[in-house]
Protein backbone atom coordinates (compact mmCIF):
# COMPACT_ATOMS: atom_id res chain seq x y z
CA UNK A 1 -11.91 6.11 0.25
CA UNK A 2 -12.83 7.40 3.71
CA UNK A 3 -11.45 10.88 3.06
CA UNK A 4 -12.05 13.16 6.03
CA UNK A 5 -14.50 10.75 7.73
CA UNK A 6 -13.85 10.34 11.45
CA UNK A 7 -17.05 8.62 12.58
CA UNK A 8 -19.70 6.41 10.98
CA UNK A 9 -22.08 9.33 10.45
CA UNK A 10 -19.49 10.94 8.16
CA UNK A 11 -19.97 8.08 5.68
CA UNK A 12 -23.70 8.76 5.23
CA UNK A 13 -26.09 8.28 3.71
CA UNK A 14 -26.54 4.58 4.38
CA UNK A 15 -27.83 3.01 1.16
CA UNK A 16 -28.50 -0.59 2.25
CA UNK A 17 -26.45 -3.77 2.64
CA UNK A 18 -23.61 -1.91 4.39
CA UNK A 19 -23.20 0.41 1.38
CA UNK A 20 -22.47 4.03 2.27
CA UNK A 21 -22.60 7.26 0.35
CA UNK A 22 -18.84 7.64 0.87
CA UNK A 23 -18.22 4.31 -0.85
CA UNK A 24 -20.50 5.13 -3.79
CA UNK A 25 -18.91 8.58 -4.19
CA UNK A 26 -15.50 6.91 -4.28
CA UNK A 27 -16.64 4.32 -6.83
CA UNK A 28 -18.10 7.03 -9.05
CA UNK A 29 -15.17 9.41 -8.78
CA UNK A 30 -12.25 6.96 -8.85
CA UNK A 31 -13.51 3.76 -10.46
CA UNK A 32 -15.93 5.31 -12.96
CA UNK A 33 -19.05 3.54 -11.69
CA UNK A 34 -21.96 5.01 -13.63
CA UNK A 35 -24.95 2.79 -12.86
CA UNK A 36 -26.41 0.83 -9.98
CA UNK A 37 -25.20 -2.36 -11.66
CA UNK A 38 -21.66 -0.97 -11.72
CA UNK A 39 -21.81 -0.59 -7.95
CA UNK A 40 -23.92 -3.62 -7.01
CA UNK A 41 -22.49 -6.26 -9.34
CA UNK A 42 -19.28 -5.16 -11.07
CA UNK A 43 -17.47 -3.66 -8.09
CA UNK A 44 -19.12 -5.71 -5.37
CA UNK A 45 -21.63 -8.50 -4.98
CA UNK A 46 -23.99 -6.37 -2.89
CA UNK A 47 -26.71 -6.91 -5.49
CA UNK A 48 -27.26 -10.23 -3.77
CA UNK A 49 -28.42 -8.45 -0.60
CA UNK A 50 -29.99 -5.20 -1.77
CA UNK A 51 -33.77 -4.92 -1.88
CA UNK A 52 -35.54 -3.31 -4.83
CA UNK A 53 -36.31 -0.27 -2.66
CA UNK A 54 -32.65 0.07 -1.63
CA UNK A 55 -31.65 -0.15 -5.30
CA UNK A 56 -33.99 2.77 -6.06
CA UNK A 57 -32.42 4.79 -3.24
CA UNK A 58 -28.96 4.05 -4.67
CA UNK A 59 -30.12 5.11 -8.13
CA UNK A 60 -31.48 8.42 -6.82
CA UNK A 61 -28.27 9.02 -4.87
CA UNK A 62 -26.13 8.36 -7.96
CA UNK A 63 -28.32 10.61 -10.12
CA UNK A 64 -27.86 13.37 -7.58
CA UNK A 65 -24.11 12.86 -7.62
CA UNK A 66 -24.02 13.20 -11.42
CA UNK A 67 -25.84 16.50 -11.07
CA UNK A 68 -23.05 17.63 -8.72
CA UNK A 69 -20.36 16.66 -11.21
CA UNK A 70 -19.10 13.65 -9.21
CA UNK A 71 -19.33 11.08 -11.98
CA UNK A 72 -16.76 10.78 -14.73
CA UNK A 73 -17.51 12.28 -18.14
């Protein structure tokens, strides 16, 4: 999951509740997460600690990843 990351900054962006971009990319690419609920509730329980604003940031990040071809078809 960490790939080439060598320091915390390599995991960015930070998406709230200890969730990193690296983790979301992994979940989308390897575990077929397609929505915020997939990440926040089905593959973790981070939905318990994520604010509505952080959820929006996650949604925008995931939408951007789909545009880059990171999500499964």
